[in-house]
């Protein structure tokens, strides 16, 4: 079974849906499901924001130097 799904916000009581060519002439199921705002996914938190303030300034600078060195070594490969 192939399924196509999309989330829309209707502006009126009628909605027009594009039908994939492979579905023409075949029986399809159309559902309307109200999405509760509390169920909508939250935007992903950036990894850098999750670790902000975890390292001391000195540790962060040391880590950044280490990462820079590693990336330069990758370029040499």
PDB file of N, CA and C in Angstrom:
ATOM      1  N   UNK A   1       0.841  -1.170   0.000  1.00  0.00           N
ATOM      2  CA  UNK A   1       0.000   0.000   0.000  1.00  0.00           C
ATOM      3  C   UNK A   1       0.891   1.240   0.000  1.00  0.00           C
ATOM      4  N   UNK A   2       0.589   2.182  -0.868  1.00  0.00           N
ATOM      5  CA  UNK A   2       1.306   3.451  -0.930  1.00  0.00           C
ATOM      6  C   UNK A   2       0.421   4.510  -0.310  1.00  0.00           C
ATOM      7  N   UNK A   3       1.013   5.347   0.558  1.00  0.00           N
ATOM      8  CA  UNK A   3       0.231   6.373   1.226  1.00  0.00           C
ATOM      9  C   UNK A   3       0.867   7.730   0.995  1.00  0.00           C
ATOM     10  N   UNK A   4       0.038   8.708   0.715  1.00  0.00           N
ATOM     11  CA  UNK A   4       0.486  10.080   0.596  1.00  0.00           C
ATOM     12  C   UNK A   4      -0.167  10.859   1.723  1.00  0.00           C
ATOM     13  N   UNK A   5       0.616  11.687   2.416  1.00  0.00           N
ATOM     14  CA  UNK A   5       0.088  12.431   3.546  1.00  0.00           C
ATOM     15  C   UNK A   5       0.630  13.854   3.514  1.00  0.00           C
ATOM     16  N   UNK A   6      -0.187  14.791   3.926  1.00  0.00           N
ATOM     17  CA  UNK A   6       0.244  16.173   4.049  1.00  0.00           C
ATOM     18  C   UNK A   6      -0.599  16.847   5.120  1.00  0.00           C
ATOM     19  N   UNK A   7      -0.096  17.910   5.694  1.00  0.00           N
ATOM     20  CA  UNK A   7      -0.838  18.669   6.703  1.00  0.00           C
ATOM     21  C   UNK A   7      -1.161  20.023   6.087  1.00  0.00           C
ATOM     22  N   UNK A   8      -2.439  20.409   6.148  1.00  0.00           N
ATOM     23  CA  UNK A   8      -2.873  21.686   5.605  1.00  0.00           C
ATOM     24  C   UNK A   8      -3.690  22.438   6.646  1.00  0.00           C
ATOM     25  N   UNK A   9      -3.877  23.731   6.439  1.00  0.00           N
ATOM     26  CA  UNK A   9      -4.779  24.539   7.241  1.00  0.00           C
ATOM     27  C   UNK A   9      -5.821  25.098   6.284  1.00  0.00           C
ATOM     28  N   UNK A  10      -7.029  24.501   6.257  1.00  0.00           N
ATOM     29  CA  UNK A  10      -8.057  24.962   5.320  1.00  0.00           C
ATOM     30  C   UNK A  10      -8.450  26.414   5.594  1.00  0.00           C
ATOM     31  N   UNK A  11      -8.697  27.164   4.527  1.00  0.00           N
ATOM     32  CA  UNK A  11      -9.125  28.561   4.640  1.00  0.00           C
ATOM     33  C   UNK A  11     -10.638  28.693   4.417  1.00  0.00           C
ATOM     34  N   UNK A  12     -11.254  27.608   3.938  1.00  0.00           N
ATOM     35  CA  UNK A  12     -12.705  27.586   3.708  1.00  0.00           C
ATOM     36  C   UNK A  12     -13.192  26.156   3.846  1.00  0.00           C
ATOM     37  N   UNK A  13     -14.487  25.921   3.617  1.00  0.00           N
ATOM     38  CA  UNK A  13     -15.045  24.588   3.856  1.00  0.00           C
ATOM     39  C   UNK A  13     -14.757  23.592   2.742  1.00  0.00           C
ATOM     40  N   UNK A  14     -14.253  24.030   1.608  1.00  0.00           N
ATOM     41  CA  UNK A  14     -13.907  23.127   0.507  1.00  0.00           C
ATOM     42  C   UNK A  14     -12.393  23.074   0.362  1.00  0.00           C
ATOM     43  N   UNK A  15     -11.892  21.860   0.089  1.00  0.00           N
ATOM     44  CA  UNK A  15     -10.457  21.649  -0.093  1.00  0.00           C
ATOM     45  C   UNK A  15     -10.254  20.871  -1.389  1.00  0.00           C
ATOM     46  N   UNK A  16      -9.299  21.290  -2.193  1.00  0.00           N
ATOM     47  CA  UNK A  16      -8.972  20.595  -3.433  1.00  0.00           C
ATOM     48  C   UNK A  16      -7.665  19.842  -3.213  1.00  0.00           C
ATOM     49  N   UNK A  17      -7.669  18.561  -3.538  1.00  0.00           N
ATOM     50  CA  UNK A  17      -6.483  17.736  -3.335  1.00  0.00           C
ATOM     51  C   UNK A  17      -5.948  17.232  -4.678  1.00  0.00           C
ATOM     52  N   UNK A  18      -4.652  17.377  -4.921  1.00  0.00           N
ATOM     53  CA  UNK A  18      -4.100  16.777  -6.133  1.00  0.00           C
ATOM     54  C   UNK A  18      -4.049  15.257  -5.957  1.00  0.00           C
ATOM     55  N   UNK A  19      -4.380  14.536  -7.006  1.00  0.00           N
ATOM     56  CA  UNK A  19      -4.384  13.075  -6.959  1.00  0.00           C
ATOM     57  C   UNK A  19      -3.231  12.569  -7.820  1.00  0.00           C
ATOM     58  N   UNK A  20      -2.337  11.754  -7.247  1.00  0.00           N
ATOM     59  CA  UNK A  20      -1.229  11.209  -8.040  1.00  0.00           C
ATOM     60  C   UNK A  20      -1.757  10.408  -9.231  1.00  0.00           C
ATOM     61  N   UNK A  21      -1.098  10.485 -10.371  1.00  0.00           N
ATOM     62  CA  UNK A  21      -1.564   9.765 -11.566  1.00  0.00           C
ATOM     63  C   UNK A  21      -1.813   8.277 -11.318  1.00  0.00           C
ATOM     64  N   UNK A  22      -1.016   7.644 -10.486  1.00  0.00           N
ATOM     65  CA  UNK A  22      -1.174   6.209 -10.214  1.00  0.00           C
ATOM     66  C   UNK A  22      -2.478   5.912  -9.471  1.00  0.00           C
ATOM     67  N   UNK A  23      -3.093   6.923  -8.863  1.00  0.00           N
ATOM     68  CA  UNK A  23      -4.326   6.717  -8.106  1.00  0.00           C
ATOM     69  C   UNK A  23      -5.579   6.918  -8.952  1.00  0.00           C
ATOM     70  N   UNK A  24      -5.447   7.501 -10.128  1.00  0.00           N
ATOM     71  CA  UNK A  24      -6.604   7.792 -10.973  1.00  0.00           C
ATOM     72  C   UNK A  24      -7.340   6.489 -11.304  1.00  0.00           C
ATOM     73  N   UNK A  25      -8.651   6.499 -11.112  1.00  0.00           N
ATOM     74  CA  UNK A  25      -9.477   5.342 -11.419  1.00  0.00           C
ATOM     75  C   UNK A  25      -9.471   4.267 -10.342  1.00  0.00           C
ATOM     76  N   UNK A  26      -8.763   4.517  -9.244  1.00  0.00           N
ATOM     77  CA  UNK A  26      -8.702   3.532  -8.162  1.00  0.00           C
ATOM     78  C   UNK A  26      -9.411   4.086  -6.935  1.00  0.00           C
ATOM     79  N   UNK A  27      -9.818   3.192  -6.070  1.00  0.00           N
ATOM     80  CA  UNK A  27     -10.500   3.590  -4.843  1.00  0.00           C
ATOM     81  C   UNK A  27      -9.452   4.092  -3.845  1.00  0.00           C
ATOM     82  N   UNK A  28      -9.666   5.285  -3.288  1.00  0.00           N
ATOM     83  CA  UNK A  28      -8.754   5.853  -2.296  1.00  0.00           C
ATOM     84  C   UNK A  28      -9.544   6.241  -1.050  1.00  0.00           C
ATOM     85  N   UNK A  29      -8.885   6.306   0.067  1.00  0.00           N
ATOM     86  CA  UNK A  29      -9.501   6.697   1.332  1.00  0.00           C
ATOM     87  C   UNK A  29      -9.011   8.096   1.681  1.00  0.00           C
ATOM     88  N   UNK A  30      -9.925   8.976   2.019  1.00  0.00           N
ATOM     89  CA  UNK A  30      -9.591  10.341   2.405  1.00  0.00           C
ATOM     90  C   UNK A  30     -10.055  10.525   3.847  1.00  0.00           C
ATOM     91  N   UNK A  31      -9.160  10.991   4.705  1.00  0.00           N
ATOM     92  CA  UNK A  31      -9.490  11.209   6.115  1.00  0.00           C
ATOM     93  C   UNK A  31      -9.190  12.653   6.486  1.00  0.00           C
ATOM     94  N   UNK A  32      -9.978  13.196   7.379  1.00  0.00           N
ATOM     95  CA  UNK A  32      -9.703  14.492   7.968  1.00  0.00           C
ATOM     96  C   UNK A  32      -9.463  14.253   9.449  1.00  0.00           C
ATOM     97  N   UNK A  33      -8.295  14.620   9.935  1.00  0.00           N
ATOM     98  CA  UNK A  33      -7.944  14.430  11.342  1.00  0.00           C
ATOM     99  C   UNK A  33      -7.524  15.785  11.900  1.00  0.00           C
ATOM    100  N   UNK A  34      -8.219  16.232  12.930  1.00  0.00           N
ATOM    101  CA  UNK A  34      -7.876  17.501  13.562  1.00  0.00           C
ATOM    102  C   UNK A  34      -6.620  17.301  14.410  1.00  0.00           C
ATOM    103  N   UNK A  35      -5.639  18.128  14.195  1.00  0.00           N
ATOM    104  CA  UNK A  35      -4.391  18.039  14.957  1.00  0.00           C
ATOM    105  C   UNK A  35      -4.458  19.039  16.093  1.00  0.00           C
ATOM    106  N   UNK A  36      -4.392  18.535  17.302  1.00  0.00           N
ATOM    107  CA  UNK A  36      -4.403  19.384  18.485  1.00  0.00           C
ATOM    108  C   UNK A  36      -3.049  20.072  18.586  1.00  0.00           C
ATOM    109  N   UNK A  37      -3.045  21.349  18.904  1.00  0.00           N
ATOM    110  CA  UNK A  37      -1.781  22.093  18.965  1.00  0.00           C
ATOM    111  C   UNK A  37      -0.771  21.463  19.915  1.00  0.00           C
ATOM    112  N   UNK A  38      -1.216  20.849  20.986  1.00  0.00           N
ATOM    113  CA  UNK A  38      -0.277  20.256  21.928  1.00  0.00           C
ATOM    114  C   UNK A  38       0.391  19.005  21.351  1.00  0.00           C
ATOM    115  N   UNK A  39      -0.210  18.440  20.276  1.00  0.00           N
ATOM    116  CA  UNK A  39       0.356  17.253  19.646  1.00  0.00           C
ATOM    117  C   UNK A  39       1.364  17.586  18.545  1.00  0.00           C
ATOM    118  N   UNK A  40       1.445  18.856  18.143  1.00  0.00           N
ATOM    119  CA  UNK A  40       2.357  19.209  17.063  1.00  0.00           C
ATOM    120  C   UNK A  40       3.792  19.135  17.578  1.00  0.00           C
ATOM    121  N   UNK A  41       4.702  18.633  16.746  1.00  0.00           N
ATOM    122  CA  UNK A  41       6.090  18.498  17.197  1.00  0.00           C
ATOM    123  C   UNK A  41       6.739  19.853  17.444  1.00  0.00           C
ATOM    124  N   UNK A  42       7.575  19.904  18.452  1.00  0.00           N
ATOM    125  CA  UNK A  42       8.317  21.120  18.752  1.00  0.00           C
ATOM    126  C   UNK A  42       9.506  21.210  17.806  1.00  0.00           C
ATOM    127  N   UNK A  43       9.923  22.433  17.479  1.00  0.00           N
ATOM    128  CA  UNK A  43      11.109  22.554  16.631  1.00  0.00           C
ATOM    129  C   UNK A  43      12.310  21.917  17.325  1.00  0.00           C
ATOM    130  N   UNK A  44      13.149  21.293  16.543  1.00  0.00           N
ATOM    131  CA  UNK A  44      14.321  20.614  17.104  1.00  0.00           C
ATOM    132  C   UNK A  44      15.242  21.621  17.787  1.00  0.00           C
ATOM    133  N   UNK A  45      15.727  21.240  18.956  1.00  0.00           N
ATOM    134  CA  UNK A  45      16.668  22.076  19.680  1.00  0.00           C
ATOM    135  C   UNK A  45      18.055  21.859  19.099  1.00  0.00           C
ATOM    136  N   UNK A  46      18.739  22.934  18.822  1.00  0.00           N
ATOM    137  CA  UNK A  46      20.090  22.813  18.280  1.00  0.00           C
ATOM    138  C   UNK A  46      20.989  22.179  19.340  1.00  0.00           C
ATOM    139  N   UNK A  47      21.837  21.307  18.885  1.00  0.00           N
ATOM    140  CA  UNK A  47      22.740  20.612  19.789  1.00  0.00           C
ATOM    141  C   UNK A  47      23.597  21.608  20.565  1.00  0.00           C
ATOM    142  N   UNK A  48      24.038  22.661  19.889  1.00  0.00           N
ATOM    143  CA  UNK A  48      24.873  23.655  20.559  1.00  0.00           C
ATOM    144  C   UNK A  48      24.123  24.326  21.709  1.00  0.00           C
ATOM    145  N   UNK A  49      22.809  24.517  21.555  1.00  0.00           N
ATOM    146  CA  UNK A  49      22.019  25.131  22.630  1.00  0.00           C
ATOM    147  C   UNK A  49      21.860  24.190  23.812  1.00  0.00           C
ATOM    148  N   UNK A  50      21.832  22.882  23.541  1.00  0.00           N
ATOM    149  CA  UNK A  50      21.679  21.916  24.629  1.00  0.00           C
ATOM    150  C   UNK A  50      22.897  21.896  25.546  1.00  0.00           C
ATOM    151  N   UNK A  51      24.075  22.191  24.991  1.00  0.00           N
ATOM    152  CA  UNK A  51      25.304  22.104  25.772  1.00  0.00           C
ATOM    153  C   UNK A  51      25.846  23.470  26.186  1.00  0.00           C
ATOM    154  N   UNK A  52      25.097  24.534  25.917  1.00  0.00           N
ATOM    155  CA  UNK A  52      25.549  25.875  26.290  1.00  0.00           C
ATOM    156  C   UNK A  52      25.747  25.958  27.797  1.00  0.00           C
ATOM    157  N   UNK A  53      26.934  26.403  28.202  1.00  0.00           N
ATOM    158  CA  UNK A  53      27.236  26.583  29.614  1.00  0.00           C
ATOM    159  C   UNK A  53      27.717  25.328  30.318  1.00  0.00           C
ATOM    160  N   UNK A  54      27.820  24.194  29.624  1.00  0.00           N
ATOM    161  CA  UNK A  54      28.258  22.949  30.246  1.00  0.00           C
ATOM    162  C   UNK A  54      29.765  22.966  30.468  1.00  0.00           C
ATOM    163  N   UNK A  55      30.504  23.484  29.470  1.00  0.00           N
ATOM    164  CA  UNK A  55      31.963  23.554  29.579  1.00  0.00           C
ATOM    165  C   UNK A  55      32.375  24.904  30.153  1.00  0.00           C
ATOM    166  N   UNK A  56      33.488  24.904  30.874  1.00  0.00           N
ATOM    167  CA  UNK A  56      34.066  26.189  31.263  1.00  0.00           C
ATOM    168  C   UNK A  56      34.618  26.832  30.000  1.00  0.00           C
ATOM    169  N   UNK A  57      34.884  28.123  30.047  1.00  0.00           N
ATOM    170  CA  UNK A  57      35.398  28.822  28.870  1.00  0.00           C
ATOM    171  C   UNK A  57      36.721  28.198  28.415  1.00  0.00           C
ATOM    172  N   UNK A  58      37.579  27.840  29.354  1.00  0.00           N
ATOM    173  CA  UNK A  58      38.869  27.244  29.021  1.00  0.00           C
ATOM    174  C   UNK A  58      38.685  25.872  28.362  1.00  0.00           C
ATOM    175  N   UNK A  59      37.787  25.048  28.917  1.00  0.00           N
ATOM    176  CA  UNK A  59      37.526  23.735  28.337  1.00  0.00           C
ATOM    177  C   UNK A  59      36.941  23.863  26.932  1.00  0.00           C
ATOM    178  N   UNK A  60      36.054  24.825  26.743  1.00  0.00           N
ATOM    179  CA  UNK A  60      35.438  25.031  25.433  1.00  0.00           C
ATOM    180  C   UNK A  60      36.491  25.445  24.404  1.00  0.00           C
ATOM    181  N   UNK A  61      37.395  26.339  24.785  1.00  0.00           N
ATOM    182  CA  UNK A  61      38.451  26.756  23.865  1.00  0.00           C
ATOM    183  C   UNK A  61      39.378  25.594  23.534  1.00  0.00           C
ATOM    184  N   UNK A  62      39.712  24.779  24.531  1.00  0.00           N
ATOM    185  CA  UNK A  62      40.554  23.608  24.303  1.00  0.00           C
ATOM    186  C   UNK A  62      39.860  22.626  23.368  1.00  0.00           C
ATOM    187  N   UNK A  63      38.582  22.412  23.593  1.00  0.00           N
ATOM    188  CA  UNK A  63      37.818  21.504  22.746  1.00  0.00           C
ATOM    189  C   UNK A  63      37.759  22.022  21.309  1.00  0.00           C
ATOM    190  N   UNK A  64      37.528  23.314  21.144  1.00  0.00           N
ATOM    191  CA  UNK A  64      37.473  23.897  19.804  1.00  0.00           C
ATOM    192  C   UNK A  64      38.810  23.751  19.078  1.00  0.00           C
ATOM    193  N   UNK A  65      39.930  23.935  19.810  1.00  0.00           N
ATOM    194  CA  UNK A  65      41.256  23.728  19.195  1.00  0.00           C
ATOM    195  C   UNK A  65      41.417  22.281  18.758  1.00  0.00           C
ATOM    196  N   UNK A  66      40.983  21.362  19.596  1.00  0.00           N
ATOM    197  CA  UNK A  66      41.072  19.936  19.286  1.00  0.00           C
ATOM    198  C   UNK A  66      40.244  19.597  18.037  1.00  0.00           C
ATOM    199  N   UNK A  67      39.019  20.105  17.977  1.00  0.00           N
ATOM    200  CA  UNK A  67      38.151  19.853  16.822  1.00  0.00           C
ATOM    201  C   UNK A  67      38.774  20.438  15.559  1.00  0.00           C
ATOM    202  N   UNK A  68      39.316  21.632  15.659  1.00  0.00           N
ATOM    203  CA  UNK A  68      39.952  22.265  14.500  1.00  0.00           C
ATOM    204  C   UNK A  68      41.110  21.414  13.996  1.00  0.00           C
ATOM    205  N   UNK A  69      41.929  20.897  14.916  1.00  0.00           N
ATOM    206  CA  UNK A  69      43.053  20.037  14.543  1.00  0.00           C
ATOM    207  C   UNK A  69      42.557  18.769  13.855  1.00  0.00           C
ATOM    208  N   UNK A  70      41.508  18.159  14.407  1.00  0.00           N
ATOM    209  CA  UNK A  70      40.952  16.935  13.810  1.00  0.00           C
ATOM    210  C   UNK A  70      40.441  17.202  12.411  1.00  0.00           C
ATOM    211  N   UNK A  71      39.756  18.313  12.210  1.00  0.00           N
ATOM    212  CA  UNK A  71      39.218  18.638  10.885  1.00  0.00           C
ATOM    213  C   UNK A  71      40.337  18.887   9.887  1.00  0.00           C
ATOM    214  N   UNK A  72      41.411  19.502  10.341  1.00  0.00           N
ATOM    215  CA  UNK A  72      42.564  19.706   9.446  1.00  0.00           C
ATOM    216  C   UNK A  72      43.184  18.384   9.067  1.00  0.00           C
ATOM    217  N   UNK A  73      43.207  17.437  10.009  1.00  0.00           N
ATOM    218  CA  UNK A  73      43.750  16.104   9.698  1.00  0.00           C
ATOM    219  C   UNK A  73      42.868  15.400   8.669  1.00  0.00           C
ATOM    220  N   UNK A  74      41.557  15.581   8.743  1.00  0.00           N
ATOM    221  CA  UNK A  74      40.646  14.984   7.761  1.00  0.00           C
ATOM    222  C   UNK A  74      40.942  15.521   6.364  1.00  0.00           C
ATOM    223  N   UNK A  75      41.257  16.830   6.291  1.00  0.00           N
ATOM    224  CA  UNK A  75      41.553  17.430   4.996  1.00  0.00           C
ATOM    225  C   UNK A  75      42.821  16.845   4.372  1.00  0.00           C
ATOM    226  N   UNK A  76      43.724  16.353   5.214  1.00  0.00           N
ATOM    227  CA  UNK A  76      44.982  15.792   4.721  1.00  0.00           C
ATOM    228  C   UNK A  76      44.823  14.376   4.175  1.00  0.00           C
ATOM    229  N   UNK A  77      43.708  13.750   4.491  1.00  0.00           N
ATOM    230  CA  UNK A  77      43.497  12.352   4.050  1.00  0.00           C
ATOM    231  C   UNK A  77      43.106  12.318   2.601  1.00  0.00           C
TER     232      UNK A  77
END
